Amino acid sequence: MNHPNHDQQLSRLRKIEGQVGGIQKMILERRYCIDILNQLRALQGAIQQVEKNILEDHLNDCVQQAITQSDPVAAQLKIQEIVQLFEK
């Protein structure tokens, strides 16, 4: 199976790394708690966006491929993978 290219998500993750570093610096500098919390909320949003994009790629590529190949077992396995992921 051919997996989607996630280069755009790698770019987003590099930005997230920078955000984490910035938050660490804020904590070391004993910055105002609300300012730190605002940055943490932004970080969570950025991570959720990467998660959403990768899930969307998975649905549009991997799952769709299993369905269009008329392989009901493979399609069911892909659906089960997603369900199990969100049960965690």
PDB file of N, CA and C in Angstrom:
ATOM      1  N   MET A   1       0.846  -1.181   0.000  1.00  0.00           N
ATOM      2  CA  MET A   1       0.000   0.000   0.000  1.00  0.00           C
ATOM      3  C   MET A   1       0.889   1.241   0.000  1.00  0.00           C
ATOM      4  N   ASN A   2       0.514   2.194  -0.797  1.00  0.00           N
ATOM      5  CA  ASN A   2       1.246   3.449  -0.897  1.00  0.00           C
ATOM      6  C   ASN A   2       0.688   4.441   0.127  1.00  0.00           C
ATOM      7  N   HIS A   3       1.565   4.972   0.971  1.00  0.00           N
ATOM      8  CA  HIS A   3       1.121   5.897   2.012  1.00  0.00           C
ATOM      9  C   HIS A   3       1.278   7.340   1.548  1.00  0.00           C
ATOM     10  N   PRO A   4       0.408   8.227   2.020  1.00  0.00           N
ATOM     11  CA  PRO A   4       0.464   9.623   1.593  1.00  0.00           C
ATOM     12  C   PRO A   4       1.740  10.319   2.057  1.00  0.00           C
ATOM     13  N   ASN A   5       2.078  11.362   1.344  1.00  0.00           N
ATOM     14  CA  ASN A   5       3.237  12.172   1.673  1.00  0.00           C
ATOM     15  C   ASN A   5       2.809  13.215   2.713  1.00  0.00           C
ATOM     16  N   HIS A   6       3.515  13.255   3.824  1.00  0.00           N
ATOM     17  CA  HIS A   6       3.147  14.163   4.908  1.00  0.00           C
ATOM     18  C   HIS A   6       4.144  15.315   5.064  1.00  0.00           C
ATOM     19  N   ASP A   7       4.793  15.729   3.968  1.00  0.00           N
ATOM     20  CA  ASP A   7       5.789  16.800   4.057  1.00  0.00           C
ATOM     21  C   ASP A   7       5.214  18.080   4.656  1.00  0.00           C
ATOM     22  N   GLN A   8       3.994  18.404   4.283  1.00  0.00           N
ATOM     23  CA  GLN A   8       3.376  19.622   4.813  1.00  0.00           C
ATOM     24  C   GLN A   8       3.206  19.511   6.332  1.00  0.00           C
ATOM     25  N   GLN A   9       2.901  18.312   6.797  1.00  0.00           N
ATOM     26  CA  GLN A   9       2.728  18.120   8.241  1.00  0.00           C
ATOM     27  C   GLN A   9       4.074  18.197   8.960  1.00  0.00           C
ATOM     28  N   LEU A  10       5.138  17.757   8.295  1.00  0.00           N
ATOM     29  CA  LEU A  10       6.470  17.889   8.889  1.00  0.00           C
ATOM     30  C   LEU A  10       6.808  19.354   9.097  1.00  0.00           C
ATOM     31  N   SER A  11       6.442  20.181   8.154  1.00  0.00           N
ATOM     32  CA  SER A  11       6.666  21.619   8.287  1.00  0.00           C
ATOM     33  C   SER A  11       5.893  22.172   9.481  1.00  0.00           C
ATOM     34  N   ARG A  12       4.651  21.753   9.612  1.00  0.00           N
ATOM     35  CA  ARG A  12       3.842  22.195  10.753  1.00  0.00           C
ATOM     36  C   ARG A  12       4.448  21.715  12.068  1.00  0.00           C
ATOM     37  N   LEU A  13       4.965  20.485  12.077  1.00  0.00           N
ATOM     38  CA  LEU A  13       5.560  19.945  13.298  1.00  0.00           C
ATOM     39  C   LEU A  13       6.829  20.703  13.684  1.00  0.00           C
ATOM     40  N   ARG A  14       7.577  21.166  12.709  1.00  0.00           N
ATOM     41  CA  ARG A  14       8.762  21.981  13.014  1.00  0.00           C
ATOM     42  C   ARG A  14       8.345  23.293  13.685  1.00  0.00           C
ATOM     43  N   LYS A  15       7.252  23.864  13.219  1.00  0.00           N
ATOM     44  CA  LYS A  15       6.739  25.085  13.851  1.00  0.00           C
ATOM     45  C   LYS A  15       6.286  24.786  15.282  1.00  0.00           C
ATOM     46  N   ILE A  16       5.677  23.626  15.466  1.00  0.00           N
ATOM     47  CA  ILE A  16       5.239  23.215  16.801  1.00  0.00           C
ATOM     48  C   ILE A  16       6.446  23.071  17.727  1.00  0.00           C
ATOM     49  N   GLU A  17       7.535  22.505  17.205  1.00  0.00           N
ATOM     50  CA  GLU A  17       8.763  22.408  18.006  1.00  0.00           C
ATOM     51  C   GLU A  17       9.197  23.794  18.484  1.00  0.00           C
ATOM     52  N   GLY A  18       9.118  24.760  17.600  1.00  0.00           N
ATOM     53  CA  GLY A  18       9.463  26.128  17.968  1.00  0.00           C
ATOM     54  C   GLY A  18       8.539  26.678  19.041  1.00  0.00           C
ATOM     55  N   GLN A  19       7.252  26.347  18.926  1.00  0.00           N
ATOM     56  CA  GLN A  19       6.293  26.791  19.939  1.00  0.00           C
ATOM     57  C   GLN A  19       6.629  26.191  21.302  1.00  0.00           C
ATOM     58  N   VAL A  20       6.989  24.909  21.316  1.00  0.00           N
ATOM     59  CA  VAL A  20       7.338  24.244  22.572  1.00  0.00           C
ATOM     60  C   VAL A  20       8.551  24.929  23.196  1.00  0.00           C
ATOM     61  N   GLY A  21       9.545  25.213  22.374  1.00  0.00           N
ATOM     62  CA  GLY A  21      10.726  25.914  22.873  1.00  0.00           C
ATOM     63  C   GLY A  21      10.376  27.274  23.451  1.00  0.00           C
ATOM     64  N   GLY A  22       9.481  27.977  22.783  1.00  0.00           N
ATOM     65  CA  GLY A  22       9.044  29.280  23.275  1.00  0.00           C
ATOM     66  C   GLY A  22       8.327  29.177  24.608  1.00  0.00           C
ATOM     67  N   ILE A  23       7.512  28.147  24.757  1.00  0.00           N
ATOM     68  CA  ILE A  23       6.789  27.939  26.017  1.00  0.00           C
ATOM     69  C   ILE A  23       7.772  27.597  27.134  1.00  0.00           C
ATOM     70  N   GLN A  24       8.754  26.760  26.828  1.00  0.00           N
ATOM     71  CA  GLN A  24       9.773  26.429  27.831  1.00  0.00           C
ATOM     72  C   GLN A  24      10.490  27.695  28.299  1.00  0.00           C
ATOM     73  N   LYS A  25      10.820  28.549  27.361  1.00  0.00           N
ATOM     74  CA  LYS A  25      11.498  29.803  27.688  1.00  0.00           C
ATOM     75  C   LYS A  25      10.600  30.684  28.562  1.00  0.00           C
ATOM     76  N   MET A  26       9.320  30.734  28.227  1.00  0.00           N
ATOM     77  CA  MET A  26       8.384  31.522  29.031  1.00  0.00           C
ATOM     78  C   MET A  26       8.346  31.022  30.474  1.00  0.00           C
ATOM     79  N   ILE A  27       8.352  29.707  30.629  1.00  0.00           N
ATOM     80  CA  ILE A  27       8.318  29.124  31.972  1.00  0.00           C
ATOM     81  C   ILE A  27       9.607  29.452  32.719  1.00  0.00           C
ATOM     82  N   LEU A  28      10.742  29.302  32.044  1.00  0.00           N
ATOM     83  CA  LEU A  28      12.027  29.625  32.673  1.00  0.00           C
ATOM     84  C   LEU A  28      12.100  31.091  33.086  1.00  0.00           C
ATOM     85  N   GLU A  29      11.476  31.949  32.303  1.00  0.00           N
ATOM     86  CA  GLU A  29      11.470  33.387  32.599  1.00  0.00           C
ATOM     87  C   GLU A  29      10.379  33.772  33.598  1.00  0.00           C
ATOM     88  N   ARG A  30       9.647  32.767  34.068  1.00  0.00           N
ATOM     89  CA  ARG A  30       8.558  32.978  35.037  1.00  0.00           C
ATOM     90  C   ARG A  30       7.536  34.001  34.530  1.00  0.00           C
ATOM     91  N   ARG A  31       7.156  33.804  33.282  1.00  0.00           N
ATOM     92  CA  ARG A  31       6.177  34.702  32.669  1.00  0.00           C
ATOM     93  C   ARG A  31       4.800  34.473  33.291  1.00  0.00           C
ATOM     94  N   TYR A  32       3.911  35.393  33.030  1.00  0.00           N
ATOM     95  CA  TYR A  32       2.550  35.366  33.557  1.00  0.00           C
ATOM     96  C   TYR A  32       1.842  34.077  33.123  1.00  0.00           C
ATOM     97  N   CYS A  33       1.214  33.418  34.084  1.00  0.00           N
ATOM     98  CA  CYS A  33       0.592  32.104  33.840  1.00  0.00           C
ATOM     99  C   CYS A  33      -0.412  32.133  32.681  1.00  0.00           C
ATOM    100  N   ILE A  34      -1.214  33.167  32.608  1.00  0.00           N
ATOM    101  CA  ILE A  34      -2.226  33.246  31.548  1.00  0.00           C
ATOM    102  C   ILE A  34      -1.563  33.320  30.180  1.00  0.00           C
ATOM    103  N   ASP A  35      -0.442  34.025  30.079  1.00  0.00           N
ATOM    104  CA  ASP A  35       0.284  34.085  28.810  1.00  0.00           C
ATOM    105  C   ASP A  35       0.793  32.700  28.415  1.00  0.00           C
ATOM    106  N   ILE A  36       1.293  31.960  29.394  1.00  0.00           N
ATOM    107  CA  ILE A  36       1.770  30.594  29.128  1.00  0.00           C
ATOM    108  C   ILE A  36       0.599  29.713  28.703  1.00  0.00           C
ATOM    109  N   LEU A  37      -0.502  29.831  29.424  1.00  0.00           N
ATOM    110  CA  LEU A  37      -1.685  29.028  29.086  1.00  0.00           C
ATOM    111  C   LEU A  37      -2.203  29.349  27.689  1.00  0.00           C
ATOM    112  N   ASN A  38      -2.171  30.605  27.310  1.00  0.00           N
ATOM    113  CA  ASN A  38      -2.588  30.974  25.951  1.00  0.00           C
ATOM    114  C   ASN A  38      -1.705  30.297  24.909  1.00  0.00           C
ATOM    115  N   GLN A  39      -0.415  30.255  25.162  1.00  0.00           N
ATOM    116  CA  GLN A  39       0.497  29.598  24.225  1.00  0.00           C
ATOM    117  C   GLN A  39       0.270  28.090  24.200  1.00  0.00           C
ATOM    118  N   LEU A  40      -0.035  27.514  25.358  1.00  0.00           N
ATOM    119  CA  LEU A  40      -0.338  26.079  25.406  1.00  0.00           C
ATOM    120  C   LEU A  40      -1.606  25.757  24.621  1.00  0.00           C
ATOM    121  N   ARG A  41      -2.603  26.623  24.696  1.00  0.00           N
ATOM    122  CA  ARG A  41      -3.832  26.423  23.920  1.00  0.00           C
ATOM    123  C   ARG A  41      -3.542  26.485  22.425  1.00  0.00           C
ATOM    124  N   ALA A  42      -2.694  27.441  22.040  1.00  0.00           N
ATOM    125  CA  ALA A  42      -2.315  27.552  20.628  1.00  0.00           C
ATOM    126  C   ALA A  42      -1.566  26.299  20.185  1.00  0.00           C
ATOM    127  N   LEU A  43      -0.720  25.781  21.048  1.00  0.00           N
ATOM    128  CA  LEU A  43       0.028  24.559  20.753  1.00  0.00           C
ATOM    129  C   LEU A  43      -0.926  23.380  20.555  1.00  0.00           C
ATOM    130  N   GLN A  44      -1.897  23.250  21.441  1.00  0.00           N
ATOM    131  CA  GLN A  44      -2.881  22.171  21.303  1.00  0.00           C
ATOM    132  C   GLN A  44      -3.634  22.280  19.982  1.00  0.00           C
ATOM    133  N   GLY A  45      -4.002  23.482  19.615  1.00  0.00           N
ATOM    134  CA  GLY A  45      -4.697  23.689  18.345  1.00  0.00           C
ATOM    135  C   GLY A  45      -3.841  23.287  17.158  1.00  0.00           C
ATOM    136  N   ALA A  46      -2.556  23.623  17.216  1.00  0.00           N
ATOM    137  CA  ALA A  46      -1.646  23.272  16.124  1.00  0.00           C
ATOM    138  C   ALA A  46      -1.487  21.760  16.013  1.00  0.00           C
ATOM    139  N   ILE A  47      -1.376  21.084  17.141  1.00  0.00           N
ATOM    140  CA  ILE A  47      -1.256  19.622  17.135  1.00  0.00           C
ATOM    141  C   ILE A  47      -2.538  18.991  16.600  1.00  0.00           C
ATOM    142  N   GLN A  48      -3.678  19.504  17.023  1.00  0.00           N
ATOM    143  CA  GLN A  48      -4.953  18.973  16.532  1.00  0.00           C
ATOM    144  C   GLN A  48      -5.090  19.159  15.027  1.00  0.00           C
ATOM    145  N   GLN A  49      -4.573  20.252  14.503  1.00  0.00           N
ATOM    146  CA  GLN A  49      -4.634  20.486  13.055  1.00  0.00           C
ATOM    147  C   GLN A  49      -3.798  19.452  12.307  1.00  0.00           C
ATOM    148  N   VAL A  50      -2.609  19.139  12.822  1.00  0.00           N
ATOM    149  CA  VAL A  50      -1.770  18.111  12.198  1.00  0.00           C
ATOM    150  C   VAL A  50      -2.494  16.764  12.246  1.00  0.00           C
ATOM    151  N   GLU A  51      -3.072  16.445  13.395  1.00  0.00           N
ATOM    152  CA  GLU A  51      -3.813  15.192  13.542  1.00  0.00           C
ATOM    153  C   GLU A  51      -4.961  15.123  12.535  1.00  0.00           C
ATOM    154  N   LYS A  52      -5.720  16.201  12.417  1.00  0.00           N
ATOM    155  CA  LYS A  52      -6.846  16.251  11.478  1.00  0.00           C
ATOM    156  C   LYS A  52      -6.376  16.050  10.048  1.00  0.00           C
ATOM    157  N   ASN A  53      -5.290  16.717   9.677  1.00  0.00           N
ATOM    158  CA  ASN A  53      -4.786  16.612   8.311  1.00  0.00           C
ATOM    159  C   ASN A  53      -4.300  15.202   7.992  1.00  0.00           C
ATOM    160  N   ILE A  54      -3.613  14.572   8.934  1.00  0.00           N
ATOM    161  CA  ILE A  54      -3.132  13.210   8.696  1.00  0.00           C
ATOM    162  C   ILE A  54      -4.307  12.239   8.636  1.00  0.00           C
ATOM    163  N   LEU A  55      -5.297  12.415   9.495  1.00  0.00           N
ATOM    164  CA  LEU A  55      -6.488  11.564   9.440  1.00  0.00           C
ATOM    165  C   LEU A  55      -7.204  11.736   8.105  1.00  0.00           C
ATOM    166  N   GLU A  56      -7.333  12.970   7.664  1.00  0.00           N
ATOM    167  CA  GLU A  56      -7.988  13.235   6.379  1.00  0.00           C
ATOM    168  C   GLU A  56      -7.226  12.571   5.228  1.00  0.00           C
ATOM    169  N   ASP A  57      -5.900  12.670   5.248  1.00  0.00           N
ATOM    170  CA  ASP A  57      -5.087  11.994   4.227  1.00  0.00           C
ATOM    171  C   ASP A  57      -5.303  10.487   4.276  1.00  0.00           C
ATOM    172  N   HIS A  58      -5.359   9.946   5.482  1.00  0.00           N
ATOM    173  CA  HIS A  58      -5.556   8.503   5.645  1.00  0.00           C
ATOM    174  C   HIS A  58      -6.906   8.079   5.066  1.00  0.00           C
ATOM    175  N   LEU A  59      -7.935   8.836   5.374  1.00  0.00           N
ATOM    176  CA  LEU A  59      -9.266   8.506   4.853  1.00  0.00           C
ATOM    177  C   LEU A  59      -9.319   8.624   3.334  1.00  0.00           C
ATOM    178  N   ASN A  60      -8.721   9.686   2.807  1.00  0.00           N
ATOM    179  CA  ASN A  60      -8.770   9.925   1.364  1.00  0.00           C
ATOM    180  C   ASN A  60      -7.862   9.002   0.569  1.00  0.00           C
ATOM    181  N   ASP A  61      -6.824   8.477   1.178  1.00  0.00           N
ATOM    182  CA  ASP A  61      -5.891   7.612   0.454  1.00  0.00           C
ATOM    183  C   ASP A  61      -6.044   6.150   0.868  1.00  0.00           C
ATOM    184  N   CYS A  62      -5.629   5.836   2.073  1.00  0.00           N
ATOM    185  CA  CYS A  62      -5.575   4.439   2.515  1.00  0.00           C
ATOM    186  C   CYS A  62      -6.955   3.785   2.588  1.00  0.00           C
ATOM    187  N   VAL A  63      -7.891   4.446   3.247  1.00  0.00           N
ATOM    188  CA  VAL A  63      -9.225   3.860   3.408  1.00  0.00           C
ATOM    189  C   VAL A  63      -9.954   3.815   2.070  1.00  0.00           C
ATOM    190  N   GLN A  64      -9.894   4.904   1.335  1.00  0.00           N
ATOM    191  CA  GLN A  64     -10.565   4.939   0.032  1.00  0.00           C
ATOM    192  C   GLN A  64     -10.007   3.866  -0.899  1.00  0.00           C
ATOM    193  N   GLN A  65      -8.705   3.659  -0.852  1.00  0.00           N
ATOM    194  CA  GLN A  65      -8.083   2.633  -1.691  1.00  0.00           C
ATOM    195  C   GLN A  65      -8.613   1.243  -1.323  1.00  0.00           C
ATOM    196  N   ALA A  66      -8.736   0.970  -0.028  1.00  0.00           N
ATOM    197  CA  ALA A  66      -9.260  -0.328   0.402  1.00  0.00           C
ATOM    198  C   ALA A  66     -10.703  -0.515  -0.059  1.00  0.00           C
ATOM    199  N   ILE A  67     -11.475   0.553  -0.043  1.00  0.00           N
ATOM    200  CA  ILE A  67     -12.882   0.468  -0.456  1.00  0.00           C
ATOM    201  C   ILE A  67     -12.997   0.302  -1.968  1.00  0.00           C
ATOM    202  N   THR A  68     -12.246   1.082  -2.737  1.00  0.00           N
ATOM    203  CA  THR A  68     -12.365   1.034  -4.194  1.00  0.00           C
ATOM    204  C   THR A  68     -11.779  -0.237  -4.787  1.00  0.00           C
ATOM    205  N   GLN A  69     -10.935  -0.918  -4.038  1.00  0.00           N
ATOM    206  CA  GLN A  69     -10.393  -2.189  -4.532  1.00  0.00           C
ATOM    207  C   GLN A  69     -11.370  -3.335  -4.295  1.00  0.00           C
ATOM    208  N   SER A  70     -12.548  -2.988  -3.815  1.00  0.00           N
ATOM    209  CA  SER A  70     -13.596  -3.978  -3.545  1.00  0.00           C
ATOM    210  C   SER A  70     -13.091  -5.092  -2.640  1.00  0.00           C
ATOM    211  N   ASP A  71     -12.320  -4.706  -1.638  1.00  0.00           N
ATOM    212  CA  ASP A  71     -11.813  -5.661  -0.655  1.00  0.00           C
ATOM    213  C   ASP A  71     -12.499  -5.358   0.673  1.00  0.00           C
ATOM    214  N   PRO A  72     -13.642  -6.003   0.926  1.00  0.00           N
ATOM    215  CA  PRO A  72     -14.404  -5.685   2.135  1.00  0.00           C
ATOM    216  C   PRO A  72     -13.639  -5.956   3.424  1.00  0.00           C
ATOM    217  N   VAL A  73     -12.769  -6.954   3.416  1.00  0.00           N
ATOM    218  CA  VAL A  73     -11.986  -7.262   4.618  1.00  0.00           C
ATOM    219  C   VAL A  73     -11.005  -6.128   4.907  1.00  0.00           C
ATOM    220  N   ALA A  74     -10.299  -5.678   3.882  1.00  0.00           N
ATOM    221  CA  ALA A  74      -9.345  -4.576   4.051  1.00  0.00           C
ATOM    222  C   ALA A  74     -10.068  -3.298   4.466  1.00  0.00           C
ATOM    223  N   ALA A  75     -11.207  -3.037   3.868  1.00  0.00           N
ATOM    224  CA  ALA A  75     -11.978  -1.841   4.211  1.00  0.00           C
ATOM    225  C   ALA A  75     -12.426  -1.895   5.669  1.00  0.00           C
ATOM    226  N   GLN A  76     -12.908  -3.053   6.094  1.00  0.00           N
ATOM    227  CA  GLN A  76     -13.351  -3.207   7.484  1.00  0.00           C
ATOM    228  C   GLN A  76     -12.183  -3.043   8.451  1.00  0.00           C
ATOM    229  N   LEU A  77     -11.017  -3.557   8.086  1.00  0.00           N
ATOM    230  CA  LEU A  77      -9.830  -3.397   8.933  1.00  0.00           C
ATOM    231  C   LEU A  77      -9.450  -1.924   9.081  1.00  0.00           C
ATOM    232  N   LYS A  78      -9.527  -1.179   7.997  1.00  0.00           N
ATOM    233  CA  LYS A  78      -9.205   0.253   8.048  1.00  0.00           C
ATOM    234  C   LYS A  78     -10.182   0.993   8.963  1.00  0.00           C
ATOM    235  N   ILE A  79     -11.435   0.634   8.881  1.00  0.00           N
ATOM    236  CA  ILE A  79     -12.440   1.268   9.739  1.00  0.00           C
ATOM    237  C   ILE A  79     -12.180   0.918  11.199  1.00  0.00           C
ATOM    238  N   GLN A  80     -11.860  -0.346  11.463  1.00  0.00           N
ATOM    239  CA  GLN A  80     -11.564  -0.770  12.832  1.00  0.00           C
ATOM    240  C   GLN A  80     -10.344  -0.045  13.390  1.00  0.00           C
ATOM    241  N   GLU A  81      -9.330   0.179  12.558  1.00  0.00           N
ATOM    242  CA  GLU A  81      -8.138   0.912  13.003  1.00  0.00           C
ATOM    243  C   GLU A  81      -8.512   2.305  13.492  1.00  0.00           C
ATOM    244  N   ILE A  82      -9.370   2.966  12.744  1.00  0.00           N
ATOM    245  CA  ILE A  82      -9.768   4.329  13.105  1.00  0.00           C
ATOM    246  C   ILE A  82     -10.590   4.325  14.392  1.00  0.00           C
ATOM    247  N   VAL A  83     -11.522   3.400  14.497  1.00  0.00           N
ATOM    248  CA  VAL A  83     -12.349   3.307  15.702  1.00  0.00           C
ATOM    249  C   VAL A  83     -11.468   3.050  16.922  1.00  0.00           C
ATOM    250  N   GLN A  84     -10.539   2.113  16.809  1.00  0.00           N
ATOM    251  CA  GLN A  84      -9.648   1.795  17.930  1.00  0.00           C
ATOM    252  C   GLN A  84      -8.779   2.989  18.309  1.00  0.00           C
ATOM    253  N   LEU A  85      -8.360   3.743  17.334  1.00  0.00           N
ATOM    254  CA  LEU A  85      -7.545   4.924  17.595  1.00  0.00           C
ATOM    255  C   LEU A  85      -8.292   5.914  18.485  1.00  0.00           C
ATOM    256  N   PHE A  86      -9.569   6.119  18.200  1.00  0.00           N
ATOM    257  CA  PHE A  86     -10.336   7.099  18.954  1.00  0.00           C
ATOM    258  C   PHE A  86     -10.912   6.536  20.251  1.00  0.00           C
ATOM    259  N   GLU A  87     -10.775   5.232  20.468  1.00  0.00           N
ATOM    260  CA  GLU A  87     -11.193   4.646  21.739  1.00  0.00           C
ATOM    261  C   GLU A  87     -10.128   4.827  22.815  1.00  0.00           C
ATOM    262  N   LYS A  88      -8.927   5.194  22.402  1.00  0.00           N
ATOM    263  CA  LYS A  88      -7.822   5.348  23.367  1.00  0.00           C
ATOM    264  C   LYS A  88      -8.012   6.574  24.215  1.00  0.00           C
TER     265      LYS A  88
END
